[in-house]
PDB file of N, CA and C in Angstrom:
ATOM      1  N   MET A   1     -32.453  -4.019 -30.691  1.00  0.00           N
ATOM      2  CA  MET A   1     -31.384  -4.149 -29.725  1.00  0.00           C
ATOM      3  C   MET A   1     -31.857  -3.584 -28.391  1.00  0.00           C
ATOM      4  N   ALA A   2     -31.622  -4.330 -27.333  1.00  0.00           N
ATOM      5  CA  ALA A   2     -32.084  -3.925 -26.006  1.00  0.00           C
ATOM      6  C   ALA A   2     -31.157  -2.878 -25.413  1.00  0.00           C
ATOM      7  N   LYS A   3     -31.754  -1.950 -24.709  1.00  0.00           N
ATOM      8  CA  LYS A   3     -30.962  -0.922 -24.043  1.00  0.00           C
ATOM      9  C   LYS A   3     -30.447  -1.479 -22.715  1.00  0.00           C
ATOM     10  N   ALA A   4     -29.291  -1.015 -22.318  1.00  0.00           N
ATOM     11  CA  ALA A   4     -28.718  -1.428 -21.041  1.00  0.00           C
ATOM     12  C   ALA A   4     -29.443  -0.706 -19.918  1.00  0.00           C
ATOM     13  N   SER A   5     -29.576  -1.383 -18.804  1.00  0.00           N
ATOM     14  CA  SER A   5     -30.248  -0.764 -17.674  1.00  0.00           C
ATOM     15  C   SER A   5     -29.353   0.321 -17.065  1.00  0.00           C
ATOM     16  N   ALA A   6     -29.967   1.174 -16.303  1.00  0.00           N
ATOM     17  CA  ALA A   6     -29.224   2.280 -15.686  1.00  0.00           C
ATOM     18  C   ALA A   6     -28.189   1.756 -14.705  1.00  0.00           C
ATOM     19  N   LYS A   7     -28.510   0.680 -14.005  1.00  0.00           N
ATOM     20  CA  LYS A   7     -27.564   0.101 -13.049  1.00  0.00           C
ATOM     21  C   LYS A   7     -26.326  -0.437 -13.753  1.00  0.00           C
ATOM     22  N   LYS A   8     -26.518  -1.101 -14.893  1.00  0.00           N
ATOM     23  CA  LYS A   8     -25.368  -1.632 -15.634  1.00  0.00           C
ATOM     24  C   LYS A   8     -24.492  -0.506 -16.178  1.00  0.00           C
ATOM     25  N   VAL A   9     -25.119   0.553 -16.629  1.00  0.00           N
ATOM     26  CA  VAL A   9     -24.353   1.694 -17.133  1.00  0.00           C
ATOM     27  C   VAL A   9     -23.557   2.330 -15.991  1.00  0.00           C
ATOM     28  N   GLU A  10     -24.193   2.464 -14.832  1.00  0.00           N
ATOM     29  CA  GLU A  10     -23.519   3.039 -13.665  1.00  0.00           C
ATOM     30  C   GLU A  10     -22.369   2.147 -13.202  1.00  0.00           C
ATOM     31  N   ASP A  11     -22.586   0.835 -13.184  1.00  0.00           N
ATOM     32  CA  ASP A  11     -21.531  -0.100 -12.787  1.00  0.00           C
ATOM     33  C   ASP A  11     -20.356  -0.067 -13.759  1.00  0.00           C
ATOM     34  N   ALA A  12     -20.656   0.036 -15.043  1.00  0.00           N
ATOM     35  CA  ALA A  12     -19.595   0.106 -16.043  1.00  0.00           C
ATOM     36  C   ALA A  12     -18.792   1.397 -15.890  1.00  0.00           C
ATOM     37  N   ALA A  13     -19.473   2.498 -15.620  1.00  0.00           N
ATOM     38  CA  ALA A  13     -18.772   3.771 -15.421  1.00  0.00           C
ATOM     39  C   ALA A  13     -17.903   3.728 -14.171  1.00  0.00           C
ATOM     40  N   ARG A  14     -18.418   3.112 -13.107  1.00  0.00           N
ATOM     41  CA  ARG A  14     -17.643   2.992 -11.875  1.00  0.00           C
ATOM     42  C   ARG A  14     -16.401   2.130 -12.098  1.00  0.00           C
ATOM     43  N   LEU A  15     -16.567   1.016 -12.800  1.00  0.00           N
ATOM     44  CA  LEU A  15     -15.437   0.133 -13.079  1.00  0.00           C
ATOM     45  C   LEU A  15     -14.396   0.836 -13.951  1.00  0.00           C
ATOM     46  N   ARG A  16     -14.855   1.584 -14.942  1.00  0.00           N
ATOM     47  CA  ARG A  16     -13.945   2.333 -15.801  1.00  0.00           C
ATOM     48  C   ARG A  16     -13.160   3.355 -14.979  1.00  0.00           C
ATOM     49  N   TYR A  17     -13.818   4.033 -14.051  1.00  0.00           N
ATOM     50  CA  TYR A  17     -13.174   5.032 -13.198  1.00  0.00           C
ATOM     51  C   TYR A  17     -12.135   4.375 -12.280  1.00  0.00           C
ATOM     52  N   ILE A  18     -12.488   3.219 -11.722  1.00  0.00           N
ATOM     53  CA  ILE A  18     -11.547   2.502 -10.849  1.00  0.00           C
ATOM     54  C   ILE A  18     -10.318   2.068 -11.631  1.00  0.00           C
ATOM     55  N   ARG A  19     -10.511   1.585 -12.852  1.00  0.00           N
ATOM     56  CA  ARG A  19      -9.382   1.151 -13.681  1.00  0.00           C
ATOM     57  C   ARG A  19      -8.455   2.324 -14.005  1.00  0.00           C
ATOM     58  N   VAL A  20      -9.028   3.489 -14.253  1.00  0.00           N
ATOM     59  CA  VAL A  20      -8.195   4.666 -14.546  1.00  0.00           C
ATOM     60  C   VAL A  20      -7.405   5.071 -13.297  1.00  0.00           C
ATOM     61  N   LEU A  21      -8.044   5.024 -12.131  1.00  0.00           N
ATOM     62  CA  LEU A  21      -7.333   5.335 -10.884  1.00  0.00           C
ATOM     63  C   LEU A  21      -6.187   4.365 -10.662  1.00  0.00           C
ATOM     64  N   GLU A  22      -6.445   3.069 -10.878  1.00  0.00           N
ATOM     65  CA  GLU A  22      -5.398   2.064 -10.701  1.00  0.00           C
ATOM     66  C   GLU A  22      -4.270   2.257 -11.702  1.00  0.00           C
ATOM     67  N   ARG A  23      -4.622   2.580 -12.930  1.00  0.00           N
ATOM     68  CA  ARG A  23      -3.605   2.808 -13.962  1.00  0.00           C
ATOM     69  C   ARG A  23      -2.738   4.010 -13.601  1.00  0.00           C
ATOM     70  N   PHE A  24      -3.362   5.068 -13.130  1.00  0.00           N
ATOM     71  CA  PHE A  24      -2.637   6.276 -12.747  1.00  0.00           C
ATOM     72  C   PHE A  24      -1.659   5.987 -11.609  1.00  0.00           C
ATOM     73  N   THR A  25      -2.153   5.375 -10.538  1.00  0.00           N
ATOM     74  CA  THR A  25      -1.283   5.129  -9.380  1.00  0.00           C
ATOM     75  C   THR A  25      -0.199   4.115  -9.693  1.00  0.00           C
ATOM     76  N   SER A  26      -0.521   3.078 -10.455  1.00  0.00           N
ATOM     77  CA  SER A  26       0.508   2.086 -10.751  1.00  0.00           C
ATOM     78  C   SER A  26       1.607   2.679 -11.623  1.00  0.00           C
ATOM     79  N   SER A  27       1.254   3.545 -12.536  1.00  0.00           N
ATOM     80  CA  SER A  27       2.263   4.173 -13.381  1.00  0.00           C
ATOM     81  C   SER A  27       3.213   5.043 -12.551  1.00  0.00           C
ATOM     82  N   ILE A  28       2.656   5.823 -11.666  1.00  0.00           N
ATOM     83  CA  ILE A  28       3.487   6.714 -10.842  1.00  0.00           C
ATOM     84  C   ILE A  28       4.342   5.906  -9.861  1.00  0.00           C
ATOM     85  N   THR A  29       3.740   4.918  -9.202  1.00  0.00           N
ATOM     86  CA  THR A  29       4.504   4.132  -8.224  1.00  0.00           C
ATOM     87  C   THR A  29       5.584   3.294  -8.896  1.00  0.00           C
ATOM     88  N   LYS A  30       5.302   2.754 -10.073  1.00  0.00           N
ATOM     89  CA  LYS A  30       6.340   1.997 -10.787  1.00  0.00           C
ATOM     90  C   LYS A  30       7.510   2.896 -11.160  1.00  0.00           C
ATOM     91  N   TYR A  31       7.195   4.106 -11.591  1.00  0.00           N
ATOM     92  CA  TYR A  31       8.270   5.035 -11.924  1.00  0.00           C
ATOM     93  C   TYR A  31       9.115   5.343 -10.684  1.00  0.00           C
ATOM     94  N   LEU A  32       8.460   5.668  -9.578  1.00  0.00           N
ATOM     95  CA  LEU A  32       9.207   6.027  -8.372  1.00  0.00           C
ATOM     96  C   LEU A  32      10.001   4.843  -7.826  1.00  0.00           C
ATOM     97  N   PHE A  33       9.475   3.652  -7.975  1.00  0.00           N
ATOM     98  CA  PHE A  33      10.141   2.469  -7.432  1.00  0.00           C
ATOM     99  C   PHE A  33      11.315   2.026  -8.297  1.00  0.00           C
ATOM    100  N   LYS A  34      11.153   2.085  -9.606  1.00  0.00           N
ATOM    101  CA  LYS A  34      12.171   1.523 -10.498  1.00  0.00           C
ATOM    102  C   LYS A  34      13.220   2.523 -10.968  1.00  0.00           C
ATOM    103  N   ALA A  35      12.931   3.795 -10.921  1.00  0.00           N
ATOM    104  CA  ALA A  35      13.900   4.780 -11.392  1.00  0.00           C
ATOM    105  C   ALA A  35      15.073   4.850 -10.422  1.00  0.00           C
ATOM    106  N   GLU A  36      16.267   4.783 -10.967  1.00  0.00           N
ATOM    107  CA  GLU A  36      17.456   4.828 -10.122  1.00  0.00           C
ATOM    108  C   GLU A  36      17.659   6.212  -9.515  1.00  0.00           C
ATOM    109  N   GLU A  37      17.506   7.228 -10.324  1.00  0.00           N
ATOM    110  CA  GLU A  37      17.633   8.608  -9.874  1.00  0.00           C
ATOM    111  C   GLU A  37      16.410   9.396 -10.321  1.00  0.00           C
ATOM    112  N   PRO A  38      15.295   9.275  -9.608  1.00  0.00           N
ATOM    113  CA  PRO A  38      14.115  10.036 -10.034  1.00  0.00           C
ATOM    114  C   PRO A  38      14.334  11.534  -9.820  1.00  0.00           C
ATOM    115  N   THR A  39      13.844  12.311 -10.755  1.00  0.00           N
ATOM    116  CA  THR A  39      13.954  13.757 -10.635  1.00  0.00           C
ATOM    117  C   THR A  39      12.564  14.358 -10.556  1.00  0.00           C
ATOM    118  N   ARG A  40      12.508  15.558 -10.069  1.00  0.00           N
ATOM    119  CA  ARG A  40      11.236  16.248  -9.921  1.00  0.00           C
ATOM    120  C   ARG A  40      10.611  16.565 -11.283  1.00  0.00           C
ATOM    121  N   GLU A  41      11.445  16.898 -12.275  1.00  0.00           N
ATOM    122  CA  GLU A  41      10.942  17.204 -13.603  1.00  0.00           C
ATOM    123  C   GLU A  41      10.323  15.972 -14.252  1.00  0.00           C
ATOM    124  N   GLN A  42      10.966  14.816 -14.100  1.00  0.00           N
ATOM    125  CA  GLN A  42      10.417  13.581 -14.657  1.00  0.00           C
ATOM    126  C   GLN A  42       9.122  13.192 -13.954  1.00  0.00           C
ATOM    127  N   PHE A  43       9.076  13.401 -12.653  1.00  0.00           N
ATOM    128  CA  PHE A  43       7.856  13.106 -11.897  1.00  0.00           C
ATOM    129  C   PHE A  43       6.700  13.985 -12.379  1.00  0.00           C
ATOM    130  N   ASP A  44       6.969  15.271 -12.532  1.00  0.00           N
ATOM    131  CA  ASP A  44       5.931  16.192 -12.999  1.00  0.00           C
ATOM    132  C   ASP A  44       5.454  15.822 -14.407  1.00  0.00           C
ATOM    133  N   LYS A  45       6.387  15.428 -15.262  1.00  0.00           N
ATOM    134  CA  LYS A  45       6.025  15.032 -16.620  1.00  0.00           C
ATOM    135  C   LYS A  45       5.174  13.765 -16.605  1.00  0.00           C
ATOM    136  N   LYS A  46       5.524  12.816 -15.753  1.00  0.00           N
ATOM    137  CA  LYS A  46       4.768  11.565 -15.638  1.00  0.00           C
ATOM    138  C   LYS A  46       3.349  11.838 -15.134  1.00  0.00           C
ATOM    139  N   VAL A  47       3.231  12.712 -14.152  1.00  0.00           N
ATOM    140  CA  VAL A  47       1.906  13.053 -13.621  1.00  0.00           C
ATOM    141  C   VAL A  47       1.076  13.755 -14.695  1.00  0.00           C
ATOM    142  N   ASP A  48       1.687  14.676 -15.438  1.00  0.00           N
ATOM    143  CA  ASP A  48       0.955  15.390 -16.489  1.00  0.00           C
ATOM    144  C   ASP A  48       0.496  14.443 -17.595  1.00  0.00           C
ATOM    145  N   ASN A  49       1.349  13.490 -17.963  1.00  0.00           N
ATOM    146  CA  ASN A  49       0.980  12.531 -19.004  1.00  0.00           C
ATOM    147  C   ASN A  49      -0.167  11.634 -18.559  1.00  0.00           C
ATOM    148  N   ASN A  50      -0.179  11.232 -17.305  1.00  0.00           N
ATOM    149  CA  ASN A  50      -1.226  10.341 -16.809  1.00  0.00           C
ATOM    150  C   ASN A  50      -2.491  11.100 -16.417  1.00  0.00           C
ATOM    151  N   ARG A  51      -2.369  12.391 -16.191  1.00  0.00           N
ATOM    152  CA  ARG A  51      -3.542  13.185 -15.821  1.00  0.00           C
ATOM    153  C   ARG A  51      -4.553  13.255 -16.966  1.00  0.00           C
ATOM    154  N   LYS A  52      -4.077  13.157 -18.198  1.00  0.00           N
ATOM    155  CA  LYS A  52      -4.995  13.246 -19.336  1.00  0.00           C
ATOM    156  C   LYS A  52      -5.995  12.093 -19.342  1.00  0.00           C
ATOM    157  N   TYR A  53      -5.626  10.937 -18.797  1.00  0.00           N
ATOM    158  CA  TYR A  53      -6.581   9.826 -18.682  1.00  0.00           C
ATOM    159  C   TYR A  53      -7.646  10.134 -17.628  1.00  0.00           C
ATOM    160  N   LEU A  54      -7.223  10.777 -16.556  1.00  0.00           N
ATOM    161  CA  LEU A  54      -8.181  11.163 -15.517  1.00  0.00           C
ATOM    162  C   LEU A  54      -9.145  12.237 -16.013  1.00  0.00           C
ATOM    163  N   ASP A  55      -8.642  13.137 -16.851  1.00  0.00           N
ATOM    164  CA  ASP A  55      -9.483  14.219 -17.347  1.00  0.00           C
ATOM    165  C   ASP A  55     -10.543  13.726 -18.319  1.00  0.00           C
ATOM    166  N   ARG A  56     -10.265  12.615 -19.004  1.00  0.00           N
ATOM    167  CA  ARG A  56     -11.207  12.101 -19.994  1.00  0.00           C
ATOM    168  C   ARG A  56     -12.421  11.420 -19.383  1.00  0.00           C
ATOM    169  N   ILE A  57     -12.304  10.966 -18.153  1.00  0.00           N
ATOM    170  CA  ILE A  57     -13.367  10.157 -17.562  1.00  0.00           C
ATOM    171  C   ILE A  57     -14.040  10.946 -16.443  1.00  0.00           C
ATOM    172  N   GLU A  58     -15.332  10.749 -16.297  1.00  0.00           N
ATOM    173  CA  GLU A  58     -16.051  11.488 -15.266  1.00  0.00           C
ATOM    174  C   GLU A  58     -15.891  10.800 -13.906  1.00  0.00           C
ATOM    175  N   LYS A  59     -15.906  11.607 -12.887  1.00  0.00           N
ATOM    176  CA  LYS A  59     -15.739  11.116 -11.520  1.00  0.00           C
ATOM    177  C   LYS A  59     -17.029  10.434 -11.079  1.00  0.00           C
ATOM    178  N   VAL A  60     -16.886   9.252 -10.461  1.00  0.00           N
ATOM    179  CA  VAL A  60     -18.018   8.442 -10.033  1.00  0.00           C
ATOM    180  C   VAL A  60     -17.881   8.196  -8.535  1.00  0.00           C
ATOM    181  N   PRO A  61     -18.965   8.226  -7.790  1.00  0.00           N
ATOM    182  CA  PRO A  61     -18.849   7.927  -6.356  1.00  0.00           C
ATOM    183  C   PRO A  61     -18.441   6.480  -6.120  1.00  0.00           C
ATOM    184  N   LEU A  62     -17.483   6.294  -5.215  1.00  0.00           N
ATOM    185  CA  LEU A  62     -16.989   4.961  -4.877  1.00  0.00           C
ATOM    186  C   LEU A  62     -17.469   4.611  -3.476  1.00  0.00           C
ATOM    187  N   TYR A  63     -17.826   3.362  -3.273  1.00  0.00           N
ATOM    188  CA  TYR A  63     -18.434   2.981  -2.005  1.00  0.00           C
ATOM    189  C   TYR A  63     -17.522   2.144  -1.112  1.00  0.00           C
ATOM    190  N   LYS A  64     -16.484   1.537  -1.652  1.00  0.00           N
ATOM    191  CA  LYS A  64     -15.592   0.715  -0.839  1.00  0.00           C
ATOM    192  C   LYS A  64     -14.450   1.551  -0.299  1.00  0.00           C
ATOM    193  N   GLY A  65     -13.994   1.217   0.884  1.00  0.00           N
ATOM    194  CA  GLY A  65     -12.929   1.970   1.525  1.00  0.00           C
ATOM    195  C   GLY A  65     -11.621   1.919   0.776  1.00  0.00           C
ATOM    196  N   ASP A  66     -11.298   0.744   0.174  1.00  0.00           N
ATOM    197  CA  ASP A  66     -10.042   0.619  -0.560  1.00  0.00           C
ATOM    198  C   ASP A  66     -10.017   1.550  -1.764  1.00  0.00           C
ATOM    199  N   TYR A  67     -11.124   1.640  -2.451  1.00  0.00           N
ATOM    200  CA  TYR A  67     -11.177   2.497  -3.627  1.00  0.00           C
ATOM    201  C   TYR A  67     -11.208   3.973  -3.235  1.00  0.00           C
ATOM    202  N   ASN A  68     -11.799   4.283  -2.105  1.00  0.00           N
ATOM    203  CA  ASN A  68     -11.746   5.659  -1.608  1.00  0.00           C
ATOM    204  C   ASN A  68     -10.313   6.030  -1.247  1.00  0.00           C
ATOM    205  N   ASP A  69      -9.571   5.081  -0.659  1.00  0.00           N
ATOM    206  CA  ASP A  69      -8.161   5.319  -0.356  1.00  0.00           C
ATOM    207  C   ASP A  69      -7.356   5.518  -1.638  1.00  0.00           C
ATOM    208  N   LEU A  70      -7.683   4.746  -2.669  1.00  0.00           N
ATOM    209  CA  LEU A  70      -7.008   4.888  -3.951  1.00  0.00           C
ATOM    210  C   LEU A  70      -7.271   6.270  -4.556  1.00  0.00           C
ATOM    211  N   GLU A  71      -8.512   6.719  -4.444  1.00  0.00           N
ATOM    212  CA  GLU A  71      -8.866   8.047  -4.948  1.00  0.00           C
ATOM    213  C   GLU A  71      -8.139   9.137  -4.142  1.00  0.00           C
ATOM    214  N   THR A  72      -8.002   8.926  -2.844  1.00  0.00           N
ATOM    215  CA  THR A  72      -7.268   9.868  -1.997  1.00  0.00           C
ATOM    216  C   THR A  72      -5.797   9.922  -2.396  1.00  0.00           C
ATOM    217  N   LEU A  73      -5.222   8.761  -2.719  1.00  0.00           N
ATOM    218  CA  LEU A  73      -3.829   8.719  -3.165  1.00  0.00           C
ATOM    219  C   LEU A  73      -3.657   9.488  -4.472  1.00  0.00           C
ATOM    220  N   VAL A  74      -4.601   9.367  -5.382  1.00  0.00           N
ATOM    221  CA  VAL A  74      -4.522  10.100  -6.651  1.00  0.00           C
ATOM    222  C   VAL A  74      -4.562  11.599  -6.397  1.00  0.00           C
ATOM    223  N   THR A  75      -5.454  12.051  -5.520  1.00  0.00           N
ATOM    224  CA  THR A  75      -5.503  13.488  -5.222  1.00  0.00           C
ATOM    225  C   THR A  75      -4.230  13.949  -4.527  1.00  0.00           C
ATOM    226  N   LYS A  76      -3.648  13.073  -3.707  1.00  0.00           N
ATOM    227  CA  LYS A  76      -2.383  13.420  -3.041  1.00  0.00           C
ATOM    228  C   LYS A  76      -1.263  13.561  -4.074  1.00  0.00           C
ATOM    229  N   ILE A  77      -1.205  12.647  -5.040  1.00  0.00           N
ATOM    230  CA  ILE A  77      -0.183  12.726  -6.095  1.00  0.00           C
ATOM    231  C   ILE A  77      -0.366  14.004  -6.915  1.00  0.00           C
ATOM    232  N   LEU A  78      -1.605  14.322  -7.235  1.00  0.00           N
ATOM    233  CA  LEU A  78      -1.865  15.543  -7.997  1.00  0.00           C
ATOM    234  C   LEU A  78      -1.516  16.795  -7.201  1.00  0.00           C
ATOM    235  N   SER A  79      -1.720  16.755  -5.893  1.00  0.00           N
ATOM    236  CA  SER A  79      -1.350  17.913  -5.082  1.00  0.00           C
ATOM    237  C   SER A  79       0.168  18.026  -4.951  1.00  0.00           C
ATOM    238  N   TYR A  80       0.869  16.882  -4.950  1.00  0.00           N
ATOM    239  CA  TYR A  80       2.331  16.924  -4.914  1.00  0.00           C
ATOM    240  C   TYR A  80       2.901  17.513  -6.197  1.00  0.00           C
ATOM    241  N   ARG A  81       2.166  17.433  -7.274  1.00  0.00           N
ATOM    242  CA  ARG A  81       2.619  17.998  -8.549  1.00  0.00           C
ATOM    243  C   ARG A  81       2.840  19.495  -8.407  1.00  0.00           C
ATOM    244  N   ASP A  82       2.018  20.168  -7.609  1.00  0.00           N
ATOM    245  CA  ASP A  82       2.117  21.610  -7.452  1.00  0.00           C
ATOM    246  C   ASP A  82       2.867  22.040  -6.188  1.00  0.00           C
ATOM    247  N   SER A  83       3.256  21.083  -5.364  1.00  0.00           N
ATOM    248  CA  SER A  83       3.938  21.443  -4.116  1.00  0.00           C
ATOM    249  C   SER A  83       5.436  21.614  -4.368  1.00  0.00           C
ATOM    250  N   ASP A  84       6.137  22.050  -3.327  1.00  0.00           N
ATOM    251  CA  ASP A  84       7.579  22.227  -3.461  1.00  0.00           C
ATOM    252  C   ASP A  84       8.352  21.223  -2.601  1.00  0.00           C
ATOM    253  N   ALA A  85       7.784  20.056  -2.356  1.00  0.00           N
ATOM    254  CA  ALA A  85       8.461  19.006  -1.596  1.00  0.00           C
ATOM    255  C   ALA A  85       9.544  18.362  -2.465  1.00  0.00           C
ATOM    256  N   THR A  86      10.536  17.784  -1.808  1.00  0.00           N
ATOM    257  CA  THR A  86      11.613  17.135  -2.558  1.00  0.00           C
ATOM    258  C   THR A  86      11.130  15.794  -3.089  1.00  0.00           C
ATOM    259  N   ILE A  87      11.862  15.284  -4.068  1.00  0.00           N
ATOM    260  CA  ILE A  87      11.477  14.031  -4.697  1.00  0.00           C
ATOM    261  C   ILE A  87      11.596  12.862  -3.714  1.00  0.00           C
ATOM    262  N   ASP A  88      12.534  12.940  -2.774  1.00  0.00           N
ATOM    263  CA  ASP A  88      12.679  11.870  -1.785  1.00  0.00           C
ATOM    264  C   ASP A  88      11.481  11.823  -0.840  1.00  0.00           C
ATOM    265  N   GLU A  89      10.990  12.981  -0.427  1.00  0.00           N
ATOM    266  CA  GLU A  89       9.790  13.025   0.417  1.00  0.00           C
ATOM    267  C   GLU A  89       8.584  12.488  -0.338  1.00  0.00           C
ATOM    268  N   LEU A  90       8.456  12.880  -1.604  1.00  0.00           N
ATOM    269  CA  LEU A  90       7.363  12.394  -2.432  1.00  0.00           C
ATOM    270  C   LEU A  90       7.416  10.885  -2.567  1.00  0.00           C
ATOM    271  N   LYS A  91       8.583  10.396  -2.890  1.00  0.00           N
ATOM    272  CA  LYS A  91       8.760   8.958  -3.116  1.00  0.00           C
ATOM    273  C   LYS A  91       8.407   8.168  -1.871  1.00  0.00           C
ATOM    274  N   GLU A  92       8.903   8.602  -0.737  1.00  0.00           N
ATOM    275  CA  GLU A  92       8.649   7.885   0.513  1.00  0.00           C
ATOM    276  C   GLU A  92       7.160   7.857   0.849  1.00  0.00           C
ATOM    277  N   ASP A  93       6.505   9.002   0.754  1.00  0.00           N
ATOM    278  CA  ASP A  93       5.094   9.087   1.125  1.00  0.00           C
ATOM    279  C   ASP A  93       4.193   8.335   0.144  1.00  0.00           C
ATOM    280  N   ILE A  94       4.423   8.509  -1.144  1.00  0.00           N
ATOM    281  CA  ILE A  94       3.570   7.874  -2.148  1.00  0.00           C
ATOM    282  C   ILE A  94       3.731   6.357  -2.117  1.00  0.00           C
ATOM    283  N   LEU A  95       4.973   5.883  -2.049  1.00  0.00           N
ATOM    284  CA  LEU A  95       5.183   4.431  -2.023  1.00  0.00           C
ATOM    285  C   LEU A  95       4.639   3.800  -0.746  1.00  0.00           C
ATOM    286  N   TYR A  96       4.759   4.490   0.374  1.00  0.00           N
ATOM    287  CA  TYR A  96       4.212   3.957   1.621  1.00  0.00           C
ATOM    288  C   TYR A  96       2.689   3.855   1.549  1.00  0.00           C
ATOM    289  N   THR A  97       2.054   4.907   1.073  1.00  0.00           N
ATOM    290  CA  THR A  97       0.588   4.907   0.977  1.00  0.00           C
ATOM    291  C   THR A  97       0.104   3.857  -0.015  1.00  0.00           C
ATOM    292  N   ALA A  98       0.774   3.745  -1.159  1.00  0.00           N
ATOM    293  CA  ALA A  98       0.387   2.743  -2.155  1.00  0.00           C
ATOM    294  C   ALA A  98       0.565   1.329  -1.597  1.00  0.00           C
ATOM    295  N   ASN A  99       1.606   1.119  -0.822  1.00  0.00           N
ATOM    296  CA  ASN A  99       1.836  -0.194  -0.214  1.00  0.00           C
ATOM    297  C   ASN A  99       0.748  -0.524   0.800  1.00  0.00           C
ATOM    298  N   GLN A 100       0.335   0.445   1.585  1.00  0.00           N
ATOM    299  CA  GLN A 100      -0.731   0.200   2.562  1.00  0.00           C
ATOM    300  C   GLN A 100      -2.057  -0.140   1.879  1.00  0.00           C
ATOM    301  N   ILE A 101      -2.344   0.535   0.776  1.00  0.00           N
ATOM    302  CA  ILE A 101      -3.570   0.236   0.029  1.00  0.00           C
ATOM    303  C   ILE A 101      -3.494  -1.172  -0.552  1.00  0.00           C
ATOM    304  N   GLU A 102      -2.344  -1.515  -1.120  1.00  0.00           N
ATOM    305  CA  GLU A 102      -2.168  -2.849  -1.693  1.00  0.00           C
ATOM    306  C   GLU A 102      -2.293  -3.931  -0.626  1.00  0.00           C
ATOM    307  N   LYS A 103      -1.737  -3.671   0.541  1.00  0.00           N
ATOM    308  CA  LYS A 103      -1.857  -4.640   1.634  1.00  0.00           C
ATOM    309  C   LYS A 103      -3.301  -4.828   2.072  1.00  0.00           C
ATOM    310  N   SER A 104      -4.049  -3.751   2.150  1.00  0.00           N
ATOM    311  CA  SER A 104      -5.441  -3.881   2.580  1.00  0.00           C
ATOM    312  C   SER A 104      -6.275  -4.607   1.525  1.00  0.00           C
ATOM    313  N   MET A 105      -5.975  -4.397   0.250  1.00  0.00           N
ATOM    314  CA  MET A 105      -6.695  -5.117  -0.803  1.00  0.00           C
ATOM    315  C   MET A 105      -6.334  -6.602  -0.792  1.00  0.00           C
ATOM    316  N   ASN A 106      -5.060  -6.905  -0.594  1.00  0.00           N
ATOM    317  CA  ASN A 106      -4.638  -8.305  -0.563  1.00  0.00           C
ATOM    318  C   ASN A 106      -5.155  -9.022   0.679  1.00  0.00           C
ATOM    319  N   ARG A 107      -5.281  -8.324   1.765  1.00  0.00           N
ATOM    320  CA  ARG A 107      -5.789  -8.934   3.000  1.00  0.00           C
ATOM    321  C   ARG A 107      -7.217  -9.443   2.791  1.00  0.00           C
ATOM    322  N   ARG A 108      -7.949  -8.745   1.975  1.00  0.00           N
ATOM    323  CA  ARG A 108      -9.322  -9.145   1.690  1.00  0.00           C
ATOM    324  C   ARG A 108      -9.366 -10.325   0.718  1.00  0.00           C
ATOM    325  N   ARG A 109      -8.406 -10.415  -0.179  1.00  0.00           N
ATOM    326  CA  ARG A 109      -8.422 -11.452  -1.214  1.00  0.00           C
ATOM    327  C   ARG A 109      -7.912 -12.800  -0.723  1.00  0.00           C
ATOM    328  N   TYR A 110      -6.856 -12.798   0.065  1.00  0.00           N
ATOM    329  CA  TYR A 110      -6.217 -14.046   0.452  1.00  0.00           C
ATOM    330  C   TYR A 110      -6.397 -14.284   1.937  1.00  0.00           C
ATOM    331  N   LYS A 111      -6.767 -15.502   2.280  1.00  0.00           N
ATOM    332  CA  LYS A 111      -6.900 -15.852   3.676  1.00  0.00           C
ATOM    333  C   LYS A 111      -6.044 -17.082   3.930  1.00  0.00           C
ATOM    334  N   LYS A 112      -5.221 -17.017   4.928  1.00  0.00           N
ATOM    335  CA  LYS A 112      -4.306 -18.088   5.248  1.00  0.00           C
ATOM    336  C   LYS A 112      -5.024 -19.133   6.096  1.00  0.00           C
ATOM    337  N   ASP A 113      -4.875 -20.402   5.735  1.00  0.00           N
ATOM    338  CA  ASP A 113      -5.409 -21.484   6.560  1.00  0.00           C
ATOM    339  C   ASP A 113      -4.409 -21.753   7.670  1.00  0.00           C
ATOM    340  N   LYS A 114      -4.752 -21.332   8.868  1.00  0.00           N
ATOM    341  CA  LYS A 114      -3.819 -21.483   9.982  1.00  0.00           C
ATOM    342  C   LYS A 114      -3.763 -22.921  10.485  1.00  0.00           C
ATOM    343  N   HIS A 115      -4.889 -23.560  10.490  1.00  0.00           N
ATOM    344  CA  HIS A 115      -4.953 -24.887  11.102  1.00  0.00           C
ATOM    345  C   HIS A 115      -5.423 -25.902  10.071  1.00  0.00           C
ATOM    346  N   THR A 116      -4.660 -26.083   9.020  1.00  0.00           N
ATOM    347  CA  THR A 116      -5.068 -27.007   7.974  1.00  0.00           C
ATOM    348  C   THR A 116      -5.022 -28.447   8.464  1.00  0.00           C
ATOM    349  N   SER A 117      -4.097 -28.778   9.341  1.00  0.00           N
ATOM    350  CA  SER A 117      -4.034 -30.154   9.829  1.00  0.00           C
ATOM    351  C   SER A 117      -5.227 -30.464  10.733  1.00  0.00           C
ATOM    352  N   ASP A 118      -5.728 -29.472  11.470  1.00  0.00           N
ATOM    353  CA  ASP A 118      -6.886 -29.685  12.341  1.00  0.00           C
ATOM    354  C   ASP A 118      -8.159 -29.927  11.537  1.00  0.00           C
ATOM    355  N   LYS A 119      -8.187 -29.468  10.343  1.00  0.00           N
ATOM    356  CA  LYS A 119      -9.383 -29.584   9.516  1.00  0.00           C
ATOM    357  C   LYS A 119      -9.708 -31.049   9.192  1.00  0.00           C
ATOM    358  N   PHE A 120      -8.668 -31.899   9.121  1.00  0.00           N
ATOM    359  CA  PHE A 120      -8.866 -33.278   8.718  1.00  0.00           C
ATOM    360  C   PHE A 120      -8.850 -34.260   9.877  1.00  0.00           C
ATOM    361  N   ARG A 121      -8.819 -33.800  11.106  1.00  0.00           N
ATOM    362  CA  ARG A 121      -8.775 -34.716  12.247  1.00  0.00           C
ATOM    363  C   ARG A 121     -10.065 -35.519  12.422  1.00  0.00           C
ATOM    364  N   ASP A 122     -11.196 -34.953  12.031  1.00  0.00           N
ATOM    365  CA  ASP A 122     -12.472 -35.659  12.175  1.00  0.00           C
ATOM    366  C   ASP A 122     -12.554 -36.874  11.266  1.00  0.00           C
ATOM    367  N   TRP A 123     -11.790 -36.904  10.217  1.00  0.00           N
ATOM    368  CA  TRP A 123     -11.856 -37.994   9.243  1.00  0.00           C
ATOM    369  C   TRP A 123     -11.041 -39.198   9.684  1.00  0.00           C
ATOM    370  N   GLU A 124     -10.182 -39.075  10.659  1.00  0.00           N
ATOM    371  CA  GLU A 124      -9.317 -40.203  11.069  1.00  0.00           C
ATOM    372  C   GLU A 124     -10.028 -41.151  11.986  1.00  0.00           C
TER     373      GLU A 124
END
């Protein structure tokens, strides 16, 4: 059986780390967005439950700006766990930051064709 190259192992570890970051942030943001009356105790419990996934995986350097922003959001959520800010302040800041990250990722994925009718004028 052939051994995997060091680059493939590093890429797999990076992808695993990114997936854990995405899982962590999506879980917290979904809770804050969908809960009718979020409480600080429930938020702390949610962060503690999701932190165990972060603790299991080793930290890997990320090279893209979007993923660095995602990692920054995770550290911000973890720092809010120990702060004394209200749940409304937490909700507003976390959801705003998560939305900005999502917008920047989507901006890279989808490109709008502004002049689709102009594209076919040469064929007429």
